[in-house]
Amino acid sequence: MAIDVRPATKFTDVRTMVGPKKPTSNVCWCLSYRIPSTLNGELTGPARGEFVRKLVREEPPPGVLAYDGDEVVGWAGVHPRADTTFDRSRRIPHVDDLDVWSVWCIRVRPGHRGKGISHALLDGAVRFADEHAAPAIEGYPVDNEGAKVDLTMAYVGTRALFEKAGFRKAADTDSVLNGFPRVLMRLDLR
């Protein structure tokens, strides 16, 4: 299986990966870390999808999508940290003043898990950031030491996933998800 990872410029595919089954639902749409919490709370139902439709048309788009042939099978939210809530986070530290990029969500469709798509998505997110001249890219996965992570919380990735992609632990954080500490993992690109 050859997985192709491309910029998320096709709204229907982004909707397939992060949108709700019912358009009026208030699901994340991968906006929780991408926009200020006030705006995130104000956007409800279809307005969330319309906001994402706008982001998909921007340069750079809000992330990358993984394809198995023509079928979308995965999503990774990746963008400059300055455009995310991580830029102002009290729980996730800044390592330095570089204009780093963040990858905060890695999602694989049911029926396609366990096939290495998360690895392809993370590699694609790194390439995407590199193509946009990012000096470094960070992720904030759980440090689960091999323990099972609840599927609904697995979107942040694991330390092992990031280490396999060449990232190194750059800092501890004050953030905990699903009972596991989150660590700041970083890969220098320049």
Protein backbone atom coordinates (compact mmCIF):
# COMPACT_ATOMS: atom_id res chain seq x y z
CA MET A 1 0.00 0.00 0.00
CA ALA A 2 1.47 3.34 -1.07
CA ILE A 3 0.12 6.25 0.97
CA ASP A 4 0.30 9.69 -0.64
CA VAL A 5 0.23 12.70 1.71
CA ARG A 6 -0.85 16.04 0.22
CA PRO A 7 -1.79 19.52 1.48
CA ALA A 8 -5.39 19.69 2.70
CA THR A 9 -6.85 21.75 -0.14
CA LYS A 10 -9.95 19.64 -0.83
CA PHE A 11 -12.71 20.59 1.59
CA THR A 12 -14.82 17.47 1.01
CA ASP A 13 -11.88 15.29 2.05
CA VAL A 14 -11.17 17.42 5.13
CA ARG A 15 -14.88 17.11 6.02
CA THR A 16 -14.65 13.32 5.63
CA MET A 17 -11.75 13.23 8.10
CA VAL A 18 -12.75 15.77 10.77
CA GLY A 19 -16.34 16.81 10.10
CA PRO A 20 -19.50 15.46 11.73
CA LYS A 21 -21.87 12.87 10.29
CA LYS A 22 -24.70 15.30 11.05
CA PRO A 23 -23.96 18.87 9.78
CA THR A 24 -25.57 20.55 12.80
CA SER A 25 -23.29 18.74 15.30
CA ASN A 26 -20.68 20.70 17.22
CA VAL A 27 -17.67 18.44 16.65
CA CYS A 28 -14.10 19.70 16.77
CA TRP A 29 -13.36 20.02 13.01
CA CYS A 30 -9.73 20.17 14.29
CA LEU A 31 -10.32 23.77 15.38
CA SER A 32 -9.80 23.42 19.16
CA TYR A 33 -6.06 24.09 18.97
CA ARG A 34 -6.19 26.11 15.74
CA ILE A 35 -8.32 29.11 16.76
CA PRO A 36 -8.77 31.16 19.95
CA SER A 37 -11.08 29.50 22.49
CA THR A 38 -13.58 32.38 22.33
CA LEU A 39 -14.03 31.94 18.58
CA ASN A 40 -14.05 28.16 18.99
CA GLY A 41 -16.96 28.52 21.41
CA GLU A 42 -18.85 30.94 19.19
CA LEU A 43 -18.72 28.72 16.09
CA THR A 44 -21.55 26.21 16.26
CA GLY A 45 -23.09 23.69 13.89
CA PRO A 46 -22.60 24.44 10.18
CA ALA A 47 -20.59 27.61 10.96
CA ARG A 48 -17.71 25.38 12.06
CA GLY A 49 -17.57 23.68 8.67
CA GLU A 50 -17.82 26.99 6.83
CA PHE A 51 -14.88 28.31 8.85
CA VAL A 52 -12.84 25.24 7.90
CA ARG A 53 -13.88 25.69 4.25
CA LYS A 54 -12.29 29.17 4.45
CA LEU A 55 -9.10 27.79 6.03
CA VAL A 56 -8.76 25.16 3.29
CA ARG A 57 -8.64 27.96 0.69
CA GLU A 58 -5.86 29.83 2.51
CA GLU A 59 -2.15 29.44 1.93
CA PRO A 60 -0.92 27.44 3.66
CA PRO A 61 -3.96 25.20 4.15
CA PRO A 62 -4.68 23.91 7.67
CA GLY A 63 -2.98 20.53 7.39
CA VAL A 64 -2.31 17.49 5.25
CA LEU A 65 -4.40 14.55 4.07
CA ALA A 66 -3.32 10.95 3.45
CA TYR A 67 -4.67 9.03 0.46
CA ASP A 68 -4.70 5.37 -0.42
CA GLY A 69 -5.26 5.73 -4.15
CA ASP A 70 -8.16 8.18 -4.46
CA GLU A 71 -9.57 7.44 -0.99
CA VAL A 72 -8.80 9.85 1.84
CA VAL A 73 -7.65 7.82 4.85
CA GLY A 74 -5.95 10.27 7.20
CA TRP A 75 -5.53 13.84 8.42
CA ALA A 76 -2.86 15.79 10.28
CA GLY A 77 -3.39 19.33 11.56
CA VAL A 78 -0.16 21.26 11.00
CA HIS A 79 0.46 25.00 10.81
CA PRO A 80 2.77 27.69 12.19
CA ARG A 81 2.61 27.63 16.00
CA ALA A 82 1.89 31.38 15.92
CA ASP A 83 -1.49 30.51 14.31
CA THR A 84 -2.46 28.07 17.07
CA THR A 85 -3.46 28.20 20.72
CA PHE A 86 -0.10 26.58 21.55
CA ASP A 87 1.46 29.99 20.94
CA ARG A 88 -0.26 31.32 24.07
CA SER A 89 -0.42 28.11 26.07
CA ARG A 90 0.59 28.17 29.72
CA ARG A 91 0.98 24.39 29.74
CA ILE A 92 3.07 23.88 26.59
CA PRO A 93 6.35 25.84 26.86
CA HIS A 94 8.26 27.69 24.17
CA VAL A 95 11.72 26.20 23.70
CA ASP A 96 13.05 29.32 21.97
CA ASP A 97 11.90 32.23 19.79
CA LEU A 98 11.99 30.43 16.42
CA ASP A 99 8.85 30.57 14.27
CA VAL A 100 8.26 26.83 14.62
CA TRP A 101 5.33 24.87 13.21
CA SER A 102 3.08 22.63 15.27
CA VAL A 103 1.45 19.30 14.45
CA TRP A 104 -1.37 18.69 16.91
CA CYS A 105 -3.74 16.13 15.43
CA ILE A 106 -3.12 12.86 13.61
CA ARG A 107 -6.25 10.98 12.62
CA VAL A 108 -6.69 7.77 10.63
CA ARG A 109 -10.08 6.56 9.41
CA PRO A 110 -11.55 3.43 10.94
CA GLY A 111 -10.79 0.42 8.78
CA HIS A 112 -7.39 1.85 7.84
CA ARG A 113 -5.68 1.84 11.24
CA GLY A 114 -2.65 -0.32 11.97
CA LYS A 115 -1.23 0.12 8.46
CA GLY A 116 1.41 2.79 9.14
CA ILE A 117 -0.74 5.71 8.01
CA SER A 118 0.05 7.72 11.18
CA HIS A 119 3.75 7.47 10.30
CA ALA A 120 3.07 8.60 6.73
CA LEU A 121 0.96 11.51 8.02
CA LEU A 122 3.66 12.69 10.42
CA ASP A 123 6.31 12.42 7.69
CA GLY A 124 3.99 14.36 5.37
CA ALA A 125 3.43 17.04 8.01
CA VAL A 126 7.21 17.42 8.35
CA ARG A 127 7.61 17.76 4.56
CA PHE A 128 4.76 20.29 4.44
CA ALA A 129 6.37 22.43 7.15
CA ASP A 130 9.78 22.12 5.48
CA GLU A 131 8.34 23.17 2.10
CA HIS A 132 7.03 26.31 3.83
CA ALA A 133 10.50 27.12 5.24
CA ALA A 134 9.71 26.23 8.85
CA PRO A 135 12.90 26.23 10.92
CA ALA A 136 11.55 23.40 13.10
CA ILE A 137 8.36 21.46 13.78
CA GLU A 138 6.95 20.47 17.15
CA GLY A 139 4.39 17.99 18.38
CA TYR A 140 2.88 17.52 21.84
CA PRO A 141 2.17 13.78 22.12
CA VAL A 142 1.50 11.70 25.20
CA ASP A 143 4.41 9.92 26.85
CA ASN A 144 2.49 6.69 27.41
CA GLU A 145 5.52 4.39 27.74
CA GLY A 146 3.78 1.79 25.59
CA ALA A 147 0.52 1.74 27.56
CA LYS A 148 -2.76 1.77 25.62
CA VAL A 149 -4.13 5.23 24.87
CA ASP A 150 -7.91 5.66 24.59
CA LEU A 151 -8.77 5.94 20.89
CA THR A 152 -10.60 9.25 21.38
CA MET A 153 -7.42 10.75 22.88
CA ALA A 154 -4.90 9.15 20.54
CA TYR A 155 -5.11 12.06 18.06
CA VAL A 156 -2.11 13.80 19.69
CA GLY A 157 0.15 10.85 18.90
CA THR A 158 2.64 9.11 21.13
CA ARG A 159 6.20 9.90 21.98
CA ALA A 160 7.29 6.70 20.20
CA LEU A 161 5.56 7.78 16.96
CA PHE A 162 7.40 11.10 17.02
CA GLU A 163 10.74 9.48 17.91
CA LYS A 164 10.42 7.12 14.93
CA ALA A 165 10.02 10.22 12.73
CA GLY A 166 13.27 11.70 14.06
CA PHE A 167 11.82 14.08 16.65
CA ARG A 168 13.58 14.46 20.01
CA LYS A 169 12.15 15.39 23.37
CA ALA A 170 12.80 19.11 23.82
CA ALA A 171 10.82 19.79 27.01
CA ASP A 172 8.34 18.50 29.51
CA THR A 173 4.94 20.18 29.61
CA ASP A 174 2.31 20.79 32.28
CA SER A 175 -0.32 19.19 30.04
CA VAL A 176 -1.86 15.78 30.71
CA LEU A 177 -4.18 13.89 28.36
CA ASN A 178 -5.93 10.62 29.15
CA GLY A 179 -3.84 10.38 32.34
CA PHE A 180 -0.54 10.57 30.44
CA PRO A 181 1.89 13.50 30.50
CA ARG A 182 2.40 15.28 27.21
CA VAL A 183 5.93 16.08 26.09
CA LEU A 184 7.18 18.64 23.60
CA MET A 185 8.85 16.77 20.74
CA ARG A 186 10.82 18.71 18.17
CA LEU A 187 12.53 18.21 14.84
CA ASP A 188 14.87 20.92 13.56
CA LEU A 189 14.55 21.48 9.82
CA ARG A 190 17.14 24.19 9.23
